[in-house]
Amino acid sequence: MFISTSPGDQTASTPKAPPPGSIPQPGLDGLPYETVPDWNNIGLFTAGIAAGAILGATVALLFAPASGDETRHGIARRVRNLGGDDDVWDELAQELELAAAEREEEAADKVAVET
């Protein structure tokens, strides 16, 4: 009536695929099998890169040579200038004027202490 095959009756003509991420071996036709990417490892690697970037940025901000106010001011200025085409020379002139004003204040304080 109806013929059933047992699992042991399967023929070996169907090639078995290599495990994911392994080195592809040539099949019966001579062409290599495709390997399947391991998405768990890819996600773990991506999460590691993101965590490293956040940790690196945090350490860089903690050990920055400028004070917190100066660092925040500089970051905010750069973010504001991302969309604009401000002239680099104007920005340099502003920074030089700020540095000169700070030096004048330091010099005036030094003279006031000496007298």
N, C-alpha and C. Protein backbone atom coordinates (compact mmCIF):
# COMPACT_ATOMS: atom_id res chain seq x y z
N MET A 1 0.83 -1.16 0.00
CA MET A 1 0.00 0.00 0.00
C MET A 1 0.88 1.23 0.00
N PHE A 2 1.56 1.51 1.03
CA PHE A 2 2.36 2.71 1.07
C PHE A 2 3.73 2.31 1.60
N ILE A 3 4.77 2.74 0.86
CA ILE A 3 6.13 2.31 1.19
C ILE A 3 6.81 3.44 1.96
N SER A 4 7.29 3.11 3.10
CA SER A 4 7.96 4.08 3.95
C SER A 4 9.45 3.77 3.99
N THR A 5 10.26 4.82 3.94
CA THR A 5 11.70 4.61 4.06
C THR A 5 12.14 4.99 5.46
N SER A 6 13.01 4.25 6.02
CA SER A 6 13.53 4.57 7.34
C SER A 6 14.64 5.60 7.22
N PRO A 7 14.96 6.31 8.30
CA PRO A 7 16.02 7.33 8.23
C PRO A 7 17.36 6.77 7.80
N GLY A 8 17.63 5.51 8.02
CA GLY A 8 18.89 4.92 7.63
C GLY A 8 18.98 4.64 6.14
N ASP A 9 17.88 4.77 5.40
CA ASP A 9 17.87 4.47 3.98
C ASP A 9 18.24 5.67 3.12
N GLN A 10 18.51 6.81 3.71
CA GLN A 10 18.83 8.00 2.91
C GLN A 10 20.15 7.78 2.20
N THR A 11 20.22 8.31 1.01
CA THR A 11 21.44 8.15 0.23
C THR A 11 22.44 9.23 0.60
N ALA A 12 23.68 8.95 0.33
CA ALA A 12 24.75 9.89 0.66
C ALA A 12 24.98 10.88 -0.48
N SER A 13 24.06 10.94 -1.45
CA SER A 13 24.26 11.85 -2.57
C SER A 13 24.01 13.31 -2.19
N THR A 14 23.29 13.55 -1.11
CA THR A 14 23.05 14.92 -0.65
C THR A 14 24.23 15.35 0.20
N PRO A 15 25.01 16.36 -0.26
CA PRO A 15 26.17 16.77 0.53
C PRO A 15 25.74 17.50 1.80
N LYS A 16 26.51 17.30 2.83
CA LYS A 16 26.24 17.94 4.11
C LYS A 16 26.96 19.29 4.16
N ALA A 17 26.26 20.34 4.55
CA ALA A 17 26.85 21.69 4.61
C ALA A 17 27.78 21.79 5.81
N PRO A 18 28.88 22.53 5.66
CA PRO A 18 29.79 22.70 6.80
C PRO A 18 29.15 23.59 7.85
N PRO A 19 29.59 23.49 9.08
CA PRO A 19 29.03 24.34 10.13
C PRO A 19 29.31 25.82 9.84
N PRO A 20 28.44 26.72 10.36
CA PRO A 20 28.61 28.15 10.10
C PRO A 20 29.97 28.66 10.57
N GLY A 21 30.56 29.49 9.74
CA GLY A 21 31.84 30.10 10.07
C GLY A 21 33.03 29.21 9.81
N SER A 22 32.82 28.00 9.30
CA SER A 22 33.95 27.11 9.06
C SER A 22 34.53 27.37 7.68
N ILE A 23 35.65 26.73 7.40
CA ILE A 23 36.30 26.89 6.11
C ILE A 23 35.51 26.09 5.08
N PRO A 24 35.11 26.73 3.98
CA PRO A 24 34.30 26.01 2.99
C PRO A 24 35.12 24.91 2.32
N GLN A 25 34.51 23.75 2.19
CA GLN A 25 35.13 22.62 1.52
C GLN A 25 34.46 22.44 0.16
N PRO A 26 35.21 21.99 -0.83
CA PRO A 26 34.58 21.82 -2.15
C PRO A 26 33.51 20.74 -2.13
N GLY A 27 32.43 21.00 -2.85
CA GLY A 27 31.35 20.04 -2.95
C GLY A 27 31.64 19.02 -4.03
N LEU A 28 30.64 18.23 -4.35
CA LEU A 28 30.80 17.20 -5.38
C LEU A 28 31.05 17.82 -6.75
N ASP A 29 30.51 19.02 -6.98
CA ASP A 29 30.70 19.67 -8.27
C ASP A 29 31.99 20.48 -8.33
N GLY A 30 32.76 20.51 -7.25
CA GLY A 30 34.03 21.21 -7.22
C GLY A 30 33.94 22.65 -6.74
N LEU A 31 32.73 23.17 -6.58
CA LEU A 31 32.55 24.53 -6.11
C LEU A 31 32.45 24.54 -4.59
N PRO A 32 32.99 25.56 -3.93
CA PRO A 32 32.92 25.59 -2.45
C PRO A 32 31.51 25.91 -1.98
N TYR A 33 31.18 25.41 -0.79
CA TYR A 33 29.91 25.75 -0.16
C TYR A 33 29.97 27.20 0.32
N GLU A 34 28.81 27.79 0.47
CA GLU A 34 28.75 29.13 1.06
C GLU A 34 28.74 28.98 2.57
N THR A 35 29.47 29.83 3.25
CA THR A 35 29.43 29.81 4.70
C THR A 35 28.39 30.81 5.18
N VAL A 36 27.79 30.52 6.29
CA VAL A 36 26.75 31.36 6.86
C VAL A 36 27.38 32.24 7.92
N PRO A 37 27.14 33.57 7.89
CA PRO A 37 27.73 34.42 8.93
C PRO A 37 27.09 34.13 10.29
N ASP A 38 27.88 34.20 11.31
CA ASP A 38 27.40 33.98 12.68
C ASP A 38 26.99 35.33 13.25
N TRP A 39 25.69 35.63 13.21
CA TRP A 39 25.19 36.95 13.60
C TRP A 39 25.37 37.22 15.08
N ASN A 40 25.45 36.21 15.90
CA ASN A 40 25.69 36.44 17.33
C ASN A 40 27.07 37.03 17.55
N ASN A 41 28.08 36.48 16.86
CA ASN A 41 29.43 37.03 17.00
C ASN A 41 29.55 38.41 16.38
N ILE A 42 28.84 38.65 15.29
CA ILE A 42 28.88 39.97 14.65
C ILE A 42 28.26 41.01 15.59
N GLY A 43 27.15 40.67 16.22
CA GLY A 43 26.51 41.60 17.17
C GLY A 43 27.38 41.86 18.38
N LEU A 44 28.04 40.82 18.87
CA LEU A 44 28.94 40.98 20.02
C LEU A 44 30.12 41.86 19.66
N PHE A 45 30.67 41.68 18.46
CA PHE A 45 31.79 42.51 18.01
C PHE A 45 31.36 43.98 17.88
N THR A 46 30.18 44.23 17.32
CA THR A 46 29.67 45.59 17.17
C THR A 46 29.44 46.24 18.53
N ALA A 47 28.89 45.49 19.47
CA ALA A 47 28.68 46.03 20.82
C ALA A 47 30.01 46.36 21.49
N GLY A 48 31.02 45.54 21.24
CA GLY A 48 32.35 45.82 21.79
C GLY A 48 32.96 47.08 21.24
N ILE A 49 32.77 47.31 19.94
CA ILE A 49 33.29 48.54 19.33
C ILE A 49 32.57 49.76 19.92
N ALA A 50 31.24 49.67 20.07
CA ALA A 50 30.49 50.80 20.63
C ALA A 50 30.91 51.08 22.07
N ALA A 51 31.07 50.03 22.87
CA ALA A 51 31.48 50.22 24.27
C ALA A 51 32.89 50.81 24.33
N GLY A 52 33.77 50.37 23.45
CA GLY A 52 35.13 50.92 23.42
C GLY A 52 35.15 52.38 23.03
N ALA A 53 34.29 52.77 22.07
CA ALA A 53 34.22 54.17 21.66
C ALA A 53 33.72 55.05 22.80
N ILE A 54 32.71 54.59 23.50
CA ILE A 54 32.17 55.36 24.63
C ILE A 54 33.20 55.46 25.75
N LEU A 55 33.86 54.37 26.05
CA LEU A 55 34.89 54.38 27.09
C LEU A 55 36.06 55.29 26.71
N GLY A 56 36.47 55.23 25.46
CA GLY A 56 37.56 56.08 24.99
C GLY A 56 37.21 57.56 25.06
N ALA A 57 35.99 57.91 24.67
CA ALA A 57 35.56 59.31 24.74
C ALA A 57 35.50 59.78 26.19
N THR A 58 35.04 58.93 27.08
CA THR A 58 34.97 59.30 28.51
C THR A 58 36.35 59.53 29.08
N VAL A 59 37.28 58.65 28.80
CA VAL A 59 38.65 58.80 29.31
C VAL A 59 39.30 60.04 28.72
N ALA A 60 39.06 60.30 27.43
CA ALA A 60 39.63 61.49 26.80
C ALA A 60 39.11 62.76 27.45
N LEU A 61 37.83 62.81 27.78
CA LEU A 61 37.28 64.00 28.42
C LEU A 61 37.81 64.16 29.85
N LEU A 62 38.00 63.04 30.55
CA LEU A 62 38.50 63.14 31.92
C LEU A 62 39.94 63.62 31.99
N PHE A 63 40.76 63.23 31.02
CA PHE A 63 42.16 63.59 31.03
C PHE A 63 42.50 64.72 30.07
N ALA A 64 41.50 65.47 29.64
CA ALA A 64 41.72 66.58 28.72
C ALA A 64 42.53 67.67 29.42
N PRO A 65 43.44 68.34 28.68
CA PRO A 65 44.26 69.37 29.31
C PRO A 65 43.50 70.65 29.66
N ALA A 66 42.34 70.87 29.03
CA ALA A 66 41.56 72.08 29.30
C ALA A 66 40.58 71.81 30.44
N SER A 67 40.08 72.90 31.04
CA SER A 67 39.10 72.73 32.11
C SER A 67 37.76 72.30 31.51
N GLY A 68 36.85 71.92 32.36
CA GLY A 68 35.54 71.44 31.89
C GLY A 68 34.78 72.50 31.13
N ASP A 69 34.79 73.75 31.63
CA ASP A 69 34.08 74.82 30.94
C ASP A 69 34.66 75.07 29.55
N GLU A 70 35.98 75.09 29.46
CA GLU A 70 36.62 75.32 28.16
C GLU A 70 36.33 74.18 27.20
N THR A 71 36.35 72.95 27.69
CA THR A 71 36.09 71.79 26.84
C THR A 71 34.66 71.80 26.34
N ARG A 72 33.70 72.07 27.25
CA ARG A 72 32.29 72.12 26.83
C ARG A 72 32.06 73.25 25.84
N HIS A 73 32.71 74.40 26.07
CA HIS A 73 32.56 75.52 25.15
C HIS A 73 33.11 75.16 23.77
N GLY A 74 34.25 74.51 23.75
CA GLY A 74 34.85 74.12 22.47
C GLY A 74 34.01 73.09 21.73
N ILE A 75 33.46 72.11 22.46
CA ILE A 75 32.61 71.10 21.83
C ILE A 75 31.34 71.74 21.30
N ALA A 76 30.72 72.61 22.09
CA ALA A 76 29.49 73.27 21.64
C ALA A 76 29.75 74.13 20.41
N ARG A 77 30.88 74.84 20.39
CA ARG A 77 31.21 75.69 19.24
C ARG A 77 31.40 74.84 17.98
N ARG A 78 32.08 73.73 18.12
CA ARG A 78 32.30 72.87 16.94
C ARG A 78 31.00 72.25 16.44
N VAL A 79 30.11 71.89 17.36
CA VAL A 79 28.82 71.33 16.95
C VAL A 79 27.99 72.38 16.22
N ARG A 80 28.00 73.62 16.74
CA ARG A 80 27.26 74.70 16.07
C ARG A 80 27.82 74.98 14.69
N ASN A 81 29.13 74.85 14.53
CA ASN A 81 29.76 75.18 13.25
C ASN A 81 29.74 74.03 12.24
N LEU A 82 29.20 72.89 12.61
CA LEU A 82 29.17 71.77 11.67
C LEU A 82 28.37 72.11 10.42
N GLY A 83 27.25 72.77 10.59
CA GLY A 83 26.39 73.06 9.45
C GLY A 83 26.80 74.29 8.68
N GLY A 84 27.58 75.18 9.27
CA GLY A 84 27.93 76.44 8.62
C GLY A 84 29.26 76.38 7.90
N ASP A 85 29.46 77.36 7.02
CA ASP A 85 30.73 77.47 6.30
C ASP A 85 31.53 78.65 6.84
N ASP A 86 31.71 78.68 8.16
CA ASP A 86 32.47 79.77 8.78
C ASP A 86 33.91 79.72 8.32
N ASP A 87 34.47 80.88 8.18
CA ASP A 87 35.85 80.97 7.74
C ASP A 87 36.79 80.52 8.86
N VAL A 88 37.73 79.69 8.53
CA VAL A 88 38.67 79.17 9.52
C VAL A 88 39.52 80.30 10.09
N TRP A 89 39.84 81.28 9.27
CA TRP A 89 40.67 82.39 9.73
C TRP A 89 39.94 83.26 10.74
N ASP A 90 38.63 83.42 10.58
CA ASP A 90 37.86 84.19 11.57
C ASP A 90 37.84 83.46 12.92
N GLU A 91 37.69 82.16 12.86
CA GLU A 91 37.70 81.38 14.09
C GLU A 91 39.06 81.46 14.78
N LEU A 92 40.13 81.40 13.99
CA LEU A 92 41.47 81.51 14.55
C LEU A 92 41.68 82.88 15.18
N ALA A 93 41.20 83.94 14.51
CA ALA A 93 41.34 85.29 15.04
C ALA A 93 40.61 85.41 16.38
N GLN A 94 39.42 84.81 16.48
CA GLN A 94 38.68 84.87 17.74
C GLN A 94 39.43 84.14 18.86
N GLU A 95 39.98 82.99 18.54
CA GLU A 95 40.73 82.25 19.56
C GLU A 95 41.99 83.00 19.98
N LEU A 96 42.67 83.63 19.03
CA LEU A 96 43.86 84.40 19.38
C LEU A 96 43.51 85.62 20.23
N GLU A 97 42.40 86.28 19.93
CA GLU A 97 41.96 87.42 20.74
C GLU A 97 41.63 86.97 22.16
N LEU A 98 40.98 85.82 22.28
CA LEU A 98 40.65 85.29 23.60
C LEU A 98 41.92 84.96 24.38
N ALA A 99 42.90 84.33 23.72
CA ALA A 99 44.16 84.00 24.38
C ALA A 99 44.91 85.27 24.79
N ALA A 100 44.90 86.29 23.93
CA ALA A 100 45.58 87.55 24.26
C ALA A 100 44.91 88.23 25.46
N ALA A 101 43.59 88.19 25.50
CA ALA A 101 42.87 88.80 26.63
C ALA A 101 43.21 88.07 27.94
N GLU A 102 43.29 86.74 27.87
CA GLU A 102 43.65 85.98 29.07
C GLU A 102 45.06 86.31 29.53
N ARG A 103 45.99 86.45 28.58
CA ARG A 103 47.38 86.80 28.93
C ARG A 103 47.45 88.19 29.55
N GLU A 104 46.67 89.14 29.02
CA GLU A 104 46.67 90.50 29.59
C GLU A 104 46.15 90.48 31.02
N GLU A 105 45.10 89.67 31.27
CA GLU A 105 44.57 89.57 32.63
C GLU A 105 45.60 88.97 33.58
N GLU A 106 46.30 87.94 33.12
CA GLU A 106 47.33 87.31 33.94
C GLU A 106 48.45 88.31 34.25
N ALA A 107 48.86 89.08 33.21
CA ALA A 107 49.93 90.05 33.40
C ALA A 107 49.49 91.15 34.37
N ALA A 108 48.23 91.62 34.25
CA ALA A 108 47.73 92.66 35.14
C ALA A 108 47.66 92.12 36.58
N ASP A 109 47.25 90.87 36.74
CA ASP A 109 47.18 90.29 38.08
C ASP A 109 48.60 90.17 38.67
N LYS A 110 49.55 89.80 37.84
CA LYS A 110 50.94 89.64 38.30
C LYS A 110 51.52 90.99 38.74
N VAL A 111 51.24 92.06 37.95
CA VAL A 111 51.72 93.39 38.30
C VAL A 111 51.06 93.87 39.60
N ALA A 112 49.77 93.58 39.76
CA ALA A 112 49.05 94.01 40.97
C ALA A 112 49.59 93.29 42.21
N VAL A 113 50.00 92.05 42.07
CA VAL A 113 50.55 91.31 43.20
C VAL A 113 51.92 91.84 43.57
N GLU A 114 52.72 92.19 42.57
CA GLU A 114 54.08 92.67 42.82
C GLU A 114 54.10 94.06 43.46
N THR A 115 53.08 94.85 43.20
CA THR A 115 53.10 96.22 43.76
C THR A 115 52.42 96.33 45.08
